[in-house]
Amino acid sequence: MFLPTPLVVGALASSALVVGSAVGAFWTPPEDVVAAALAFSSGALITALSFDLFREAFEAGGPWYAGVGLMAGATVFVGADLLIDRYAASQSGFALLAGVTLDGVPENTALGVAIAGGGHVHYLTLLVAIFASNLPESLNGAADMRKRNYSKRETVALWLFVAGLLTAAVAVGDVVSAGFRDETLAAVRAFAGGAVLASLAATVMPEAFDEGGPLVALATAAGFLLTFLLT
């Protein structure tokens, strides 16, 4: 049976969560490997939020819709991240799980919006960036949950649940965007870009630097270059 494009693309992006969690449930990756992967995904997401999200938001909605959406997305992410830090400090595996969900909903919704906007060129960069981001986050998060005595089955099941949520977010973005005017779509794209940018600045890039040191900057540049070539 043929599946709608948003579900297929969403499943591809979220499959990295399942793969990463399955590997992380049995193997603890070296810190420098995780750091390099996180840094690479940071560079990829910088390209995606710049070209697939914010630039198109700016061109469609102008500086006000794009600017307000960007700042709103960053503000919401920071506020939610502070709540996660406050209430889940002793459960870092679940904190990361919640953080991936928080970060993933806007970017996956934006992926659905991009699918509705045209051919595969419009969402390929964002798809690659999301996949590259999901893999190391789930790998590291699952390994951390295993250290805290969560069973392998529980670990993979929880990440599978998140993967399902984020796949659904892609479909929702595609369906809902059909009724939006250009300015509203611009705000949605910019909101997603702001949330992604805040997540990079507050969590992903600091973690990569802490675990890998200054050399991770090379991986960030490589991730930026690869996804830039796909635009």
C-alpha atoms as a PDB file:
ATOM      1  CA  MET A   1       0.000   0.000   0.000  1.00  0.00           C
ATOM      2  CA  PHE A   2       1.331   3.427  -0.936  1.00  0.00           C
ATOM      3  CA  LEU A   3       1.992   5.686   2.040  1.00  0.00           C
ATOM      4  CA  PRO A   4       1.655   9.481   1.872  1.00  0.00           C
ATOM      5  CA  THR A   5       4.933  11.341   1.337  1.00  0.00           C
ATOM      6  CA  PRO A   6       4.851  13.134   4.741  1.00  0.00           C
ATOM      7  CA  LEU A   7       4.679   9.829   6.618  1.00  0.00           C
ATOM      8  CA  VAL A   8       7.478   8.313   4.536  1.00  0.00           C
ATOM      9  CA  VAL A   9       9.737  11.342   4.944  1.00  0.00           C
ATOM     10  CA  GLY A  10       8.875  11.633   8.635  1.00  0.00           C
ATOM     11  CA  ALA A  11       9.666   7.970   9.183  1.00  0.00           C
ATOM     12  CA  LEU A  12      13.016   8.400   7.429  1.00  0.00           C
ATOM     13  CA  ALA A  13      13.948  11.360   9.618  1.00  0.00           C
ATOM     14  CA  SER A  14      12.805   9.653  12.819  1.00  0.00           C
ATOM     15  CA  SER A  15      14.324   6.270  11.973  1.00  0.00           C
ATOM     16  CA  ALA A  16      17.638   7.645  13.214  1.00  0.00           C
ATOM     17  CA  LEU A  17      16.129   7.784  16.712  1.00  0.00           C
ATOM     18  CA  VAL A  18      15.279   4.089  16.585  1.00  0.00           C
ATOM     19  CA  VAL A  19      18.644   3.078  15.124  1.00  0.00           C
ATOM     20  CA  GLY A  20      20.586   5.227  17.583  1.00  0.00           C
ATOM     21  CA  SER A  21      18.642   3.992  20.596  1.00  0.00           C
ATOM     22  CA  ALA A  22      18.981   0.344  19.539  1.00  0.00           C
ATOM     23  CA  VAL A  23      22.753   0.719  19.246  1.00  0.00           C
ATOM     24  CA  GLY A  24      23.029   2.803  22.424  1.00  0.00           C
ATOM     25  CA  ALA A  25      21.073   0.219  24.410  1.00  0.00           C
ATOM     26  CA  PHE A  26      23.900  -2.290  23.854  1.00  0.00           C
ATOM     27  CA  TRP A  27      26.993  -0.118  23.359  1.00  0.00           C
ATOM     28  CA  THR A  28      28.411   2.955  25.051  1.00  0.00           C
ATOM     29  CA  PRO A  29      29.987   5.121  22.337  1.00  0.00           C
ATOM     30  CA  PRO A  30      33.306   6.909  22.963  1.00  0.00           C
ATOM     31  CA  GLU A  31      32.852  10.531  23.951  1.00  0.00           C
ATOM     32  CA  ASP A  32      34.864  11.837  21.009  1.00  0.00           C
ATOM     33  CA  VAL A  33      32.647   9.927  18.552  1.00  0.00           C
ATOM     34  CA  VAL A  34      29.493  11.390  20.074  1.00  0.00           C
ATOM     35  CA  ALA A  35      31.073  14.844  20.142  1.00  0.00           C
ATOM     36  CA  ALA A  36      32.019  14.687  16.470  1.00  0.00           C
ATOM     37  CA  ALA A  37      28.552  13.462  15.484  1.00  0.00           C
ATOM     38  CA  LEU A  38      26.822  16.177  17.506  1.00  0.00           C
ATOM     39  CA  ALA A  39      29.094  18.833  16.028  1.00  0.00           C
ATOM     40  CA  PHE A  40      28.482  17.544  12.498  1.00  0.00           C
ATOM     41  CA  SER A  41      24.729  17.651  13.027  1.00  0.00           C
ATOM     42  CA  SER A  42      25.042  21.194  14.385  1.00  0.00           C
ATOM     43  CA  GLY A  43      26.613  22.344  11.140  1.00  0.00           C
ATOM     44  CA  ALA A  44      23.939  20.546   9.143  1.00  0.00           C
ATOM     45  CA  LEU A  45      21.154  22.158  11.138  1.00  0.00           C
ATOM     46  CA  ILE A  46      22.700  25.616  10.776  1.00  0.00           C
ATOM     47  CA  THR A  47      22.404  25.227   7.006  1.00  0.00           C
ATOM     48  CA  ALA A  48      18.839  23.929   7.251  1.00  0.00           C
ATOM     49  CA  LEU A  49      17.582  26.656   9.558  1.00  0.00           C
ATOM     50  CA  SER A  50      19.309  29.349   7.506  1.00  0.00           C
ATOM     51  CA  PHE A  51      18.135  28.295   4.043  1.00  0.00           C
ATOM     52  CA  ASP A  52      15.144  25.967   4.431  1.00  0.00           C
ATOM     53  CA  LEU A  53      13.538  27.773   7.344  1.00  0.00           C
ATOM     54  CA  PHE A  54      14.498  31.377   7.995  1.00  0.00           C
ATOM     55  CA  ARG A  55      15.380  32.555   4.498  1.00  0.00           C
ATOM     56  CA  GLU A  56      12.112  31.278   3.072  1.00  0.00           C
ATOM     57  CA  ALA A  57      10.241  32.716   6.055  1.00  0.00           C
ATOM     58  CA  PHE A  58      11.849  36.107   5.478  1.00  0.00           C
ATOM     59  CA  GLU A  59      11.104  36.078   1.763  1.00  0.00           C
ATOM     60  CA  ALA A  60       7.468  35.064   2.261  1.00  0.00           C
ATOM     61  CA  GLY A  61       6.556  37.069   5.347  1.00  0.00           C
ATOM     62  CA  GLY A  62       9.059  39.882   5.594  1.00  0.00           C
ATOM     63  CA  PRO A  63      11.120  40.944   8.613  1.00  0.00           C
ATOM     64  CA  TRP A  64       8.244  41.224  11.092  1.00  0.00           C
ATOM     65  CA  TYR A  65       6.712  37.769  10.669  1.00  0.00           C
ATOM     66  CA  ALA A  66      10.117  36.134  10.319  1.00  0.00           C
ATOM     67  CA  GLY A  67      11.706  38.052  13.177  1.00  0.00           C
ATOM     68  CA  VAL A  68       8.861  37.597  15.643  1.00  0.00           C
ATOM     69  CA  GLY A  69       8.553  33.917  14.749  1.00  0.00           C
ATOM     70  CA  LEU A  70      12.287  33.357  15.206  1.00  0.00           C
ATOM     71  CA  MET A  71      12.391  35.000  18.625  1.00  0.00           C
ATOM     72  CA  ALA A  72       9.200  33.254  19.723  1.00  0.00           C
ATOM     73  CA  GLY A  73      10.631  29.862  18.802  1.00  0.00           C
ATOM     74  CA  ALA A  74      13.860  30.561  20.671  1.00  0.00           C
ATOM     75  CA  THR A  75      11.964  31.839  23.718  1.00  0.00           C
ATOM     76  CA  VAL A  76       9.645  28.842  23.886  1.00  0.00           C
ATOM     77  CA  PHE A  77      12.553  26.422  23.581  1.00  0.00           C
ATOM     78  CA  VAL A  78      14.583  28.147  26.300  1.00  0.00           C
ATOM     79  CA  GLY A  79      11.586  28.259  28.636  1.00  0.00           C
ATOM     80  CA  ALA A  80      10.773  24.597  28.108  1.00  0.00           C
ATOM     81  CA  ASP A  81      14.436  23.648  28.466  1.00  0.00           C
ATOM     82  CA  LEU A  82      14.597  25.421  31.828  1.00  0.00           C
ATOM     83  CA  LEU A  83      11.551  23.461  32.989  1.00  0.00           C
ATOM     84  CA  ILE A  84      13.143  20.204  31.889  1.00  0.00           C
ATOM     85  CA  ASP A  85      16.355  21.066  33.745  1.00  0.00           C
ATOM     86  CA  ARG A  86      14.352  21.877  36.857  1.00  0.00           C
ATOM     87  CA  TYR A  87      12.082  18.852  37.019  1.00  0.00           C
ATOM     88  CA  ALA A  88      14.155  16.135  35.339  1.00  0.00           C
ATOM     89  CA  ALA A  89      17.665  16.846  36.621  1.00  0.00           C
ATOM     90  CA  SER A  90      17.919  13.431  38.266  1.00  0.00           C
ATOM     91  CA  GLN A  91      16.665  11.612  35.161  1.00  0.00           C
ATOM     92  CA  SER A  92      19.038  12.806  32.483  1.00  0.00           C
ATOM     93  CA  GLY A  93      18.024  10.090  30.027  1.00  0.00           C
ATOM     94  CA  PHE A  94      14.419  11.223  30.186  1.00  0.00           C
ATOM     95  CA  ALA A  95      15.521  14.853  30.151  1.00  0.00           C
ATOM     96  CA  LEU A  96      17.315  14.261  26.858  1.00  0.00           C
ATOM     97  CA  LEU A  97      14.290  12.330  25.599  1.00  0.00           C
ATOM     98  CA  ALA A  98      12.047  15.278  26.436  1.00  0.00           C
ATOM     99  CA  GLY A  99      14.567  17.665  24.917  1.00  0.00           C
ATOM    100  CA  VAL A 100      14.657  15.757  21.633  1.00  0.00           C
ATOM    101  CA  THR A 101      10.854  15.808  21.541  1.00  0.00           C
ATOM    102  CA  LEU A 102      10.796  19.520  22.322  1.00  0.00           C
ATOM    103  CA  ASP A 103      13.371  20.269  19.639  1.00  0.00           C
ATOM    104  CA  GLY A 104      11.973  17.786  17.159  1.00  0.00           C
ATOM    105  CA  VAL A 105       8.345  18.898  17.049  1.00  0.00           C
ATOM    106  CA  PRO A 106       8.965  22.325  15.469  1.00  0.00           C
ATOM    107  CA  GLU A 107      11.601  21.123  13.006  1.00  0.00           C
ATOM    108  CA  ASN A 108       9.549  18.091  11.971  1.00  0.00           C
ATOM    109  CA  THR A 109       6.457  20.241  11.619  1.00  0.00           C
ATOM    110  CA  ALA A 110       8.513  22.558   9.421  1.00  0.00           C
ATOM    111  CA  LEU A 111       9.570  19.510   7.412  1.00  0.00           C
ATOM    112  CA  GLY A 112       5.897  18.823   6.747  1.00  0.00           C
ATOM    113  CA  VAL A 113       5.381  22.438   5.714  1.00  0.00           C
ATOM    114  CA  ALA A 114       8.346  22.148   3.336  1.00  0.00           C
ATOM    115  CA  ILE A 115       6.881  19.001   1.780  1.00  0.00           C
ATOM    116  CA  ALA A 116       3.637  20.837   1.118  1.00  0.00           C
ATOM    117  CA  GLY A 117       5.577  23.647  -0.532  1.00  0.00           C
ATOM    118  CA  GLY A 118       7.046  21.745  -3.470  1.00  0.00           C
ATOM    119  CA  GLY A 119       9.346  18.982  -4.704  1.00  0.00           C
ATOM    120  CA  HIS A 120      11.993  17.048  -2.840  1.00  0.00           C
ATOM    121  CA  VAL A 121      14.589  19.819  -3.223  1.00  0.00           C
ATOM    122  CA  HIS A 122      12.545  21.907  -0.789  1.00  0.00           C
ATOM    123  CA  TYR A 123      12.935  19.451   2.087  1.00  0.00           C
ATOM    124  CA  LEU A 124      16.023  17.343   1.303  1.00  0.00           C
ATOM    125  CA  THR A 125      18.459  19.520   3.265  1.00  0.00           C
ATOM    126  CA  LEU A 126      16.184  19.652   6.284  1.00  0.00           C
ATOM    127  CA  LEU A 127      15.620  15.893   6.148  1.00  0.00           C
ATOM    128  CA  VAL A 128      19.366  15.182   6.110  1.00  0.00           C
ATOM    129  CA  ALA A 129      19.983  17.648   8.934  1.00  0.00           C
ATOM    130  CA  ILE A 130      17.254  16.184  11.147  1.00  0.00           C
ATOM    131  CA  PHE A 131      18.497  12.631  10.543  1.00  0.00           C
ATOM    132  CA  ALA A 132      22.077  13.659  11.342  1.00  0.00           C
ATOM    133  CA  SER A 133      20.904  15.336  14.536  1.00  0.00           C
ATOM    134  CA  ASN A 134      18.666  12.510  15.736  1.00  0.00           C
ATOM    135  CA  LEU A 135      21.256   9.742  15.449  1.00  0.00           C
ATOM    136  CA  PRO A 136      23.889  10.923  17.975  1.00  0.00           C
ATOM    137  CA  GLU A 137      21.267  12.320  20.354  1.00  0.00           C
ATOM    138  CA  SER A 138      19.424   9.006  20.606  1.00  0.00           C
ATOM    139  CA  LEU A 139      22.677   7.020  20.708  1.00  0.00           C
ATOM    140  CA  ASN A 140      24.009   9.059  23.610  1.00  0.00           C
ATOM    141  CA  GLY A 141      20.645   9.263  25.362  1.00  0.00           C
ATOM    142  CA  ALA A 142      20.033   5.513  25.198  1.00  0.00           C
ATOM    143  CA  ALA A 143      23.519   4.757  26.517  1.00  0.00           C
ATOM    144  CA  ASP A 144      22.901   7.155  29.400  1.00  0.00           C
ATOM    145  CA  MET A 145      19.562   5.510  30.210  1.00  0.00           C
ATOM    146  CA  ARG A 146      21.251   2.099  30.234  1.00  0.00           C
ATOM    147  CA  LYS A 147      23.779   3.375  32.777  1.00  0.00           C
ATOM    148  CA  ARG A 148      20.828   4.378  34.954  1.00  0.00           C
ATOM    149  CA  ASN A 149      19.492   0.819  34.933  1.00  0.00           C
ATOM    150  CA  TYR A 150      16.705   1.191  32.395  1.00  0.00           C
ATOM    151  CA  SER A 151      16.175  -2.051  30.534  1.00  0.00           C
ATOM    152  CA  LYS A 152      17.069  -2.323  26.865  1.00  0.00           C
ATOM    153  CA  ARG A 153      13.423  -2.898  26.002  1.00  0.00           C
ATOM    154  CA  GLU A 154      12.277   0.186  27.927  1.00  0.00           C
ATOM    155  CA  THR A 155      14.976   2.321  26.357  1.00  0.00           C
ATOM    156  CA  VAL A 156      14.209   1.379  22.766  1.00  0.00           C
ATOM    157  CA  ALA A 157      10.440   1.511  23.358  1.00  0.00           C
ATOM    158  CA  LEU A 158      10.606   5.073  24.671  1.00  0.00           C
ATOM    159  CA  TRP A 159      12.670   6.283  21.735  1.00  0.00           C
ATOM    160  CA  LEU A 160      10.364   4.434  19.347  1.00  0.00           C
ATOM    161  CA  PHE A 161       7.460   6.326  20.909  1.00  0.00           C
ATOM    162  CA  VAL A 162       9.221   9.652  20.329  1.00  0.00           C
ATOM    163  CA  ALA A 163       9.986   8.630  16.738  1.00  0.00           C
ATOM    164  CA  GLY A 164       6.279   8.015  16.211  1.00  0.00           C
ATOM    165  CA  LEU A 165       5.377  11.414  17.654  1.00  0.00           C
ATOM    166  CA  LEU A 166       7.850  13.217  15.427  1.00  0.00           C
ATOM    167  CA  THR A 167       6.704  11.308  12.344  1.00  0.00           C
ATOM    168  CA  ALA A 168       3.170  12.414  13.128  1.00  0.00           C
ATOM    169  CA  ALA A 169       4.410  16.004  13.472  1.00  0.00           C
ATOM    170  CA  VAL A 170       5.589  15.896   9.846  1.00  0.00           C
ATOM    171  CA  ALA A 171       2.154  14.763   8.685  1.00  0.00           C
ATOM    172  CA  VAL A 172       0.460  17.443  10.793  1.00  0.00           C
ATOM    173  CA  GLY A 173       2.704  20.129   9.337  1.00  0.00           C
ATOM    174  CA  ASP A 174       1.851  19.024   5.813  1.00  0.00           C
ATOM    175  CA  VAL A 175      -1.916  18.843   6.366  1.00  0.00           C
ATOM    176  CA  VAL A 176      -2.338  22.002   8.428  1.00  0.00           C
ATOM    177  CA  SER A 177      -0.137  24.146   6.193  1.00  0.00           C
ATOM    178  CA  ALA A 178      -2.593  23.724   3.319  1.00  0.00           C
ATOM    179  CA  GLY A 179      -4.915  26.217   5.007  1.00  0.00           C
ATOM    180  CA  PHE A 180      -2.300  28.804   5.993  1.00  0.00           C
ATOM    181  CA  ARG A 181      -1.636  32.026   4.178  1.00  0.00           C
ATOM    182  CA  ASP A 182       1.948  32.904   3.271  1.00  0.00           C
ATOM    183  CA  GLU A 183       2.559  35.092   6.323  1.00  0.00           C
ATOM    184  CA  THR A 184       1.412  32.374   8.712  1.00  0.00           C
ATOM    185  CA  LEU A 185       3.618  29.793   7.008  1.00  0.00           C
ATOM    186  CA  ALA A 186       6.494  32.236   7.286  1.00  0.00           C
ATOM    187  CA  ALA A 187       5.928  32.549  11.028  1.00  0.00           C
ATOM    188  CA  VAL A 188       5.806  28.755  11.418  1.00  0.00           C
ATOM    189  CA  ARG A 189       9.084  28.309   9.543  1.00  0.00           C
ATOM    190  CA  ALA A 190      10.752  31.085  11.525  1.00  0.00           C
ATOM    191  CA  PHE A 191       9.440  29.667  14.813  1.00  0.00           C
ATOM    192  CA  ALA A 192      10.967  26.299  13.969  1.00  0.00           C
ATOM    193  CA  GLY A 193      14.230  27.994  13.029  1.00  0.00           C
ATOM    194  CA  GLY A 194      14.321  29.866  16.326  1.00  0.00           C
ATOM    195  CA  ALA A 195      13.720  26.693  18.320  1.00  0.00           C
ATOM    196  CA  VAL A 196      16.439  24.833  16.414  1.00  0.00           C
ATOM    197  CA  LEU A 197      18.900  27.712  16.797  1.00  0.00           C
ATOM    198  CA  ALA A 198      18.241  27.919  20.539  1.00  0.00           C
ATOM    199  CA  SER A 199      18.722  24.175  20.923  1.00  0.00           C
ATOM    200  CA  LEU A 200      22.055  24.343  19.123  1.00  0.00           C
ATOM    201  CA  ALA A 201      23.300  27.225  21.255  1.00  0.00           C
ATOM    202  CA  ALA A 202      22.014  25.913  24.582  1.00  0.00           C
ATOM    203  CA  THR A 203      22.506  22.151  24.374  1.00  0.00           C
ATOM    204  CA  VAL A 204      23.981  20.525  21.281  1.00  0.00           C
ATOM    205  CA  MET A 205      27.072  22.631  20.589  1.00  0.00           C
ATOM    206  CA  PRO A 206      28.112  23.046  24.258  1.00  0.00           C
ATOM    207  CA  GLU A 207      27.810  19.287  24.766  1.00  0.00           C
ATOM    208  CA  ALA A 208      29.895  18.610  21.664  1.00  0.00           C
ATOM    209  CA  PHE A 209      32.598  21.022  22.836  1.00  0.00           C
ATOM    210  CA  ASP A 210      32.639  19.620  26.384  1.00  0.00           C
ATOM    211  CA  GLU A 211      33.132  16.071  25.119  1.00  0.00           C
ATOM    212  CA  GLY A 212      35.392  16.724  22.128  1.00  0.00           C
ATOM    213  CA  GLY A 213      37.181  20.032  22.623  1.00  0.00           C
ATOM    214  CA  PRO A 214      38.021  22.601  19.934  1.00  0.00           C
ATOM    215  CA  LEU A 215      38.535  19.988  17.200  1.00  0.00           C
ATOM    216  CA  VAL A 216      34.778  19.449  16.961  1.00  0.00           C
ATOM    217  CA  ALA A 217      34.638  22.744  15.067  1.00  0.00           C
ATOM    218  CA  LEU A 218      35.981  20.854  12.046  1.00  0.00           C
ATOM    219  CA  ALA A 219      33.046  18.449  12.201  1.00  0.00           C
ATOM    220  CA  THR A 220      30.649  21.391  12.433  1.00  0.00           C
ATOM    221  CA  ALA A 221      32.181  22.917   9.317  1.00  0.00           C
ATOM    222  CA  ALA A 222      31.915  19.567   7.505  1.00  0.00           C
ATOM    223  CA  GLY A 223      28.235  19.251   8.406  1.00  0.00           C
ATOM    224  CA  PHE A 224      27.564  22.777   7.187  1.00  0.00           C
ATOM    225  CA  LEU A 225      29.393  22.155   3.910  1.00  0.00           C
ATOM    226  CA  LEU A 226      27.659  18.860   3.152  1.00  0.00           C
ATOM    227  CA  THR A 227      24.151  20.173   3.651  1.00  0.00           C
ATOM    228  CA  PHE A 228      24.982  23.451   1.912  1.00  0.00           C
ATOM    229  CA  LEU A 229      25.904  21.458  -1.186  1.00  0.00           C
ATOM    230  CA  LEU A 230      22.442  19.872  -1.039  1.00  0.00           C
ATOM    231  CA  THR A 231      20.620  23.215  -1.129  1.00  0.00           C
END
